[in-house]
């Protein structure tokens, strides 16, 4: 079973690029997006156990200089395999 957490992140405006790159380098973080709205970044965390979410979000993301606030949402169920298929793709086009 894979646990997915969607983490909304508020960051210091002048540090958004470096904060995003630092978060993207963390084990368990599959993607980081710059977004519009009330938050600056969105990180997708995919791990094997719920306890690992606690290690990554309050344990690592919240301690990165420039991170002001996080809001974490846990996914209960996956309805589309698009993201997972893309994550495991090695980049070769499918042959017809």
N, C-alpha and C. Protein backbone atom coordinates (compact mmCIF):
# COMPACT_ATOMS: atom_id res chain seq x y z
N UNK A 1 0.84 -1.19 0.00
CA UNK A 1 0.00 0.00 0.00
C UNK A 1 0.88 1.24 0.00
N UNK A 2 0.51 2.23 -0.76
CA UNK A 2 1.24 3.50 -0.82
C UNK A 2 0.39 4.57 -0.15
N UNK A 3 0.99 5.35 0.73
CA UNK A 3 0.32 6.46 1.39
C UNK A 3 0.67 7.72 0.63
N UNK A 4 -0.36 8.50 0.26
CA UNK A 4 -0.14 9.75 -0.46
C UNK A 4 -0.60 10.91 0.39
N UNK A 5 0.26 11.90 0.54
CA UNK A 5 -0.08 13.14 1.24
C UNK A 5 0.14 14.30 0.29
N UNK A 6 -0.82 15.23 0.28
CA UNK A 6 -0.71 16.44 -0.51
C UNK A 6 -0.40 17.55 0.49
N UNK A 7 0.74 18.20 0.31
CA UNK A 7 1.20 19.20 1.28
C UNK A 7 1.21 20.57 0.63
N UNK A 8 0.36 21.48 1.13
CA UNK A 8 0.36 22.87 0.69
C UNK A 8 1.37 23.62 1.55
N UNK A 9 2.19 24.45 0.91
CA UNK A 9 3.28 25.11 1.62
C UNK A 9 3.28 26.61 1.36
N UNK A 10 3.35 27.39 2.43
CA UNK A 10 3.58 28.83 2.31
C UNK A 10 5.06 29.04 2.57
N UNK A 11 5.69 29.85 1.70
CA UNK A 11 7.13 30.08 1.82
C UNK A 11 7.42 31.57 1.69
N UNK A 12 8.60 31.96 2.17
CA UNK A 12 9.05 33.33 1.97
C UNK A 12 9.19 33.55 0.47
N UNK A 13 8.58 34.61 -0.04
CA UNK A 13 8.48 34.84 -1.48
C UNK A 13 9.84 34.81 -2.18
N UNK A 14 10.84 35.42 -1.60
CA UNK A 14 12.15 35.48 -2.25
C UNK A 14 12.93 34.17 -2.15
N UNK A 15 12.38 33.19 -1.44
CA UNK A 15 13.07 31.90 -1.29
C UNK A 15 12.32 30.74 -1.93
N UNK A 16 11.22 31.01 -2.62
CA UNK A 16 10.38 29.93 -3.17
C UNK A 16 11.19 28.95 -4.03
N UNK A 17 12.01 29.41 -4.99
CA UNK A 17 12.73 28.43 -5.82
C UNK A 17 13.66 27.51 -5.02
N UNK A 18 14.41 28.07 -4.08
CA UNK A 18 15.33 27.22 -3.31
C UNK A 18 14.59 26.31 -2.35
N UNK A 19 13.47 26.79 -1.77
CA UNK A 19 12.65 25.95 -0.90
C UNK A 19 12.09 24.79 -1.72
N UNK A 20 11.57 25.07 -2.91
CA UNK A 20 11.00 24.03 -3.76
C UNK A 20 12.04 22.98 -4.12
N UNK A 21 13.25 23.40 -4.47
CA UNK A 21 14.30 22.46 -4.83
C UNK A 21 14.72 21.61 -3.63
N UNK A 22 14.80 22.21 -2.46
CA UNK A 22 15.17 21.47 -1.26
C UNK A 22 14.12 20.43 -0.93
N UNK A 23 12.85 20.80 -1.03
CA UNK A 23 11.76 19.85 -0.76
C UNK A 23 11.78 18.73 -1.80
N UNK A 24 11.98 19.07 -3.06
CA UNK A 24 11.99 18.07 -4.13
C UNK A 24 13.08 17.03 -3.94
N UNK A 25 14.16 17.40 -3.27
CA UNK A 25 15.28 16.48 -3.03
C UNK A 25 15.04 15.51 -1.87
N UNK A 26 13.98 15.72 -1.10
CA UNK A 26 13.71 14.86 0.06
C UNK A 26 13.21 13.49 -0.39
N UNK A 27 13.69 12.44 0.26
CA UNK A 27 13.17 11.10 0.01
C UNK A 27 11.70 11.08 0.37
N UNK A 28 10.89 10.49 -0.49
CA UNK A 28 9.46 10.40 -0.25
C UNK A 28 8.66 11.48 -0.95
N UNK A 29 9.33 12.54 -1.42
CA UNK A 29 8.64 13.60 -2.16
C UNK A 29 8.78 13.28 -3.64
N UNK A 30 7.62 13.08 -4.30
CA UNK A 30 7.67 12.71 -5.72
C UNK A 30 7.61 13.91 -6.64
N UNK A 31 6.89 14.96 -6.25
CA UNK A 31 6.80 16.16 -7.07
C UNK A 31 6.63 17.38 -6.19
N UNK A 32 7.06 18.53 -6.71
CA UNK A 32 6.79 19.81 -6.06
C UNK A 32 6.33 20.76 -7.16
N UNK A 33 5.22 21.43 -6.92
CA UNK A 33 4.66 22.37 -7.90
C UNK A 33 4.61 23.76 -7.30
N UNK A 34 4.89 24.78 -8.11
CA UNK A 34 4.62 26.16 -7.77
C UNK A 34 3.16 26.39 -8.14
N UNK A 35 2.36 26.93 -7.23
CA UNK A 35 0.92 27.03 -7.47
C UNK A 35 0.41 28.44 -7.19
N UNK A 36 -0.81 28.71 -7.67
CA UNK A 36 -1.48 29.97 -7.36
C UNK A 36 -2.39 29.75 -6.17
N UNK A 37 -2.88 30.84 -5.61
CA UNK A 37 -3.82 30.73 -4.49
C UNK A 37 -3.17 31.10 -3.17
N UNK A 38 -3.72 30.58 -2.11
CA UNK A 38 -3.28 30.94 -0.76
C UNK A 38 -1.92 30.37 -0.40
N UNK A 39 -1.47 29.34 -1.12
CA UNK A 39 -0.18 28.71 -0.84
C UNK A 39 0.75 28.92 -2.02
N UNK A 40 2.03 28.75 -1.78
CA UNK A 40 3.04 28.97 -2.82
C UNK A 40 3.46 27.69 -3.52
N UNK A 41 3.51 26.59 -2.78
CA UNK A 41 3.99 25.32 -3.31
C UNK A 41 3.06 24.19 -2.92
N UNK A 42 3.08 23.13 -3.72
CA UNK A 42 2.34 21.91 -3.40
C UNK A 42 3.31 20.76 -3.59
N UNK A 43 3.46 19.95 -2.56
CA UNK A 43 4.35 18.79 -2.63
C UNK A 43 3.53 17.52 -2.53
N UNK A 44 3.85 16.55 -3.38
CA UNK A 44 3.22 15.23 -3.32
C UNK A 44 4.19 14.31 -2.58
N UNK A 45 3.72 13.77 -1.48
CA UNK A 45 4.53 12.85 -0.68
C UNK A 45 3.94 11.46 -0.84
N UNK A 46 4.77 10.52 -1.28
CA UNK A 46 4.31 9.13 -1.45
C UNK A 46 5.27 8.22 -0.69
N UNK A 47 4.72 7.57 0.33
CA UNK A 47 5.53 6.72 1.20
C UNK A 47 4.79 5.42 1.51
N UNK A 48 5.47 4.50 2.14
CA UNK A 48 4.89 3.19 2.44
C UNK A 48 4.02 3.19 3.69
N UNK A 49 4.24 4.11 4.64
CA UNK A 49 3.51 4.08 5.90
C UNK A 49 3.18 5.50 6.38
N UNK A 50 2.05 5.63 7.10
CA UNK A 50 1.63 6.93 7.61
C UNK A 50 2.68 7.58 8.49
N UNK A 51 3.43 6.78 9.24
CA UNK A 51 4.45 7.32 10.12
C UNK A 51 5.51 8.10 9.35
N UNK A 52 5.75 7.69 8.11
CA UNK A 52 6.75 8.38 7.29
C UNK A 52 6.29 9.79 6.91
N UNK A 53 4.99 10.00 6.80
CA UNK A 53 4.47 11.34 6.53
C UNK A 53 4.88 12.27 7.67
N UNK A 54 4.79 11.79 8.90
CA UNK A 54 5.19 12.59 10.06
C UNK A 54 6.68 12.88 10.05
N UNK A 55 7.47 11.95 9.56
CA UNK A 55 8.92 12.19 9.47
C UNK A 55 9.23 13.26 8.41
N UNK A 56 8.50 13.23 7.31
CA UNK A 56 8.79 14.13 6.20
C UNK A 56 8.22 15.53 6.42
N UNK A 57 6.94 15.63 6.80
CA UNK A 57 6.32 16.97 6.88
C UNK A 57 6.80 17.75 8.09
N UNK A 58 6.40 17.38 9.32
CA UNK A 58 6.92 18.18 10.44
C UNK A 58 8.40 17.94 10.69
N UNK A 59 8.88 16.76 10.35
CA UNK A 59 10.28 16.43 10.64
C UNK A 59 11.28 17.07 9.70
N UNK A 60 10.89 17.28 8.43
CA UNK A 60 11.86 17.81 7.46
C UNK A 60 11.36 19.07 6.76
N UNK A 61 10.17 19.00 6.13
CA UNK A 61 9.69 20.14 5.34
C UNK A 61 9.54 21.38 6.22
N UNK A 62 8.92 21.24 7.38
CA UNK A 62 8.69 22.40 8.25
C UNK A 62 9.99 23.01 8.79
N UNK A 63 11.08 22.28 8.72
CA UNK A 63 12.35 22.78 9.25
C UNK A 63 13.22 23.42 8.18
N UNK A 64 12.75 23.43 6.93
CA UNK A 64 13.53 24.03 5.85
C UNK A 64 13.45 25.55 5.97
N UNK A 65 14.60 26.24 5.96
CA UNK A 65 14.58 27.70 6.03
C UNK A 65 13.76 28.28 4.88
N UNK A 66 12.84 29.18 5.21
CA UNK A 66 11.99 29.78 4.20
C UNK A 66 10.58 29.22 4.19
N UNK A 67 10.37 28.05 4.81
CA UNK A 67 9.02 27.49 4.93
C UNK A 67 8.33 28.19 6.09
N UNK A 68 7.17 28.78 5.81
CA UNK A 68 6.44 29.51 6.84
C UNK A 68 5.31 28.68 7.46
N UNK A 69 4.68 27.84 6.63
CA UNK A 69 3.50 27.11 7.10
C UNK A 69 3.22 25.96 6.14
N UNK A 70 2.69 24.86 6.67
CA UNK A 70 2.26 23.75 5.81
C UNK A 70 0.85 23.33 6.21
N UNK A 71 0.15 22.77 5.24
CA UNK A 71 -1.17 22.20 5.45
C UNK A 71 -1.18 20.86 4.72
N UNK A 72 -1.39 19.78 5.45
CA UNK A 72 -1.26 18.44 4.88
C UNK A 72 -2.61 17.76 4.76
N UNK A 73 -2.84 17.16 3.58
CA UNK A 73 -4.06 16.40 3.32
C UNK A 73 -3.65 14.98 2.98
N UNK A 74 -4.25 14.00 3.63
CA UNK A 74 -3.98 12.59 3.32
C UNK A 74 -5.02 12.07 2.35
N UNK A 75 -4.56 11.36 1.33
CA UNK A 75 -5.47 10.77 0.36
C UNK A 75 -5.96 9.42 0.88
N UNK A 76 -7.26 9.20 0.79
CA UNK A 76 -7.85 7.93 1.23
C UNK A 76 -7.82 6.89 0.13
N UNK A 77 -8.09 7.32 -1.11
CA UNK A 77 -8.28 6.39 -2.20
C UNK A 77 -7.76 7.02 -3.49
N UNK A 78 -7.20 6.21 -4.36
CA UNK A 78 -6.75 6.68 -5.66
C UNK A 78 -7.74 6.23 -6.72
N UNK A 79 -8.21 7.16 -7.52
CA UNK A 79 -9.15 6.83 -8.59
C UNK A 79 -8.51 6.83 -9.96
N UNK A 80 -7.30 7.38 -10.06
CA UNK A 80 -6.61 7.42 -11.34
C UNK A 80 -5.19 6.94 -11.14
N UNK A 81 -4.73 6.11 -12.05
CA UNK A 81 -3.36 5.63 -11.97
C UNK A 81 -2.42 6.48 -12.80
N UNK A 82 -2.92 7.56 -13.38
CA UNK A 82 -2.12 8.40 -14.26
C UNK A 82 -0.81 8.84 -13.61
N UNK A 83 -0.89 9.38 -12.40
CA UNK A 83 0.32 9.87 -11.73
C UNK A 83 1.31 8.75 -11.45
N UNK A 84 0.80 7.61 -10.99
CA UNK A 84 1.70 6.50 -10.69
C UNK A 84 2.31 5.92 -11.95
N UNK A 85 1.52 5.81 -13.02
CA UNK A 85 2.07 5.32 -14.29
C UNK A 85 3.18 6.25 -14.78
N UNK A 86 2.95 7.55 -14.68
CA UNK A 86 3.95 8.52 -15.12
C UNK A 86 5.20 8.45 -14.24
N UNK A 87 5.01 8.24 -12.96
CA UNK A 87 6.14 8.20 -12.03
C UNK A 87 7.07 7.03 -12.32
N UNK A 88 6.49 5.93 -12.81
CA UNK A 88 7.30 4.74 -13.05
C UNK A 88 7.71 4.59 -14.51
N UNK A 89 7.32 5.55 -15.35
CA UNK A 89 7.70 5.52 -16.77
C UNK A 89 9.17 5.85 -16.89
N UNK A 90 9.85 5.18 -17.81
CA UNK A 90 11.27 5.48 -18.01
C UNK A 90 11.48 6.40 -19.21
N UNK A 91 10.39 6.90 -19.75
CA UNK A 91 10.50 7.92 -20.78
C UNK A 91 10.47 7.44 -22.21
N UNK A 92 10.29 6.16 -22.46
CA UNK A 92 10.22 5.67 -23.83
C UNK A 92 8.79 5.76 -24.32
N UNK A 93 8.57 6.23 -25.54
CA UNK A 93 7.22 6.25 -26.06
C UNK A 93 6.69 4.85 -26.27
N UNK A 94 5.39 4.69 -26.09
CA UNK A 94 4.80 3.38 -26.30
C UNK A 94 4.76 3.08 -27.79
N UNK A 95 5.05 1.83 -28.15
CA UNK A 95 5.01 1.46 -29.56
C UNK A 95 3.61 1.04 -29.93
N UNK A 96 3.24 1.30 -31.17
CA UNK A 96 1.90 0.94 -31.65
C UNK A 96 1.88 -0.45 -32.22
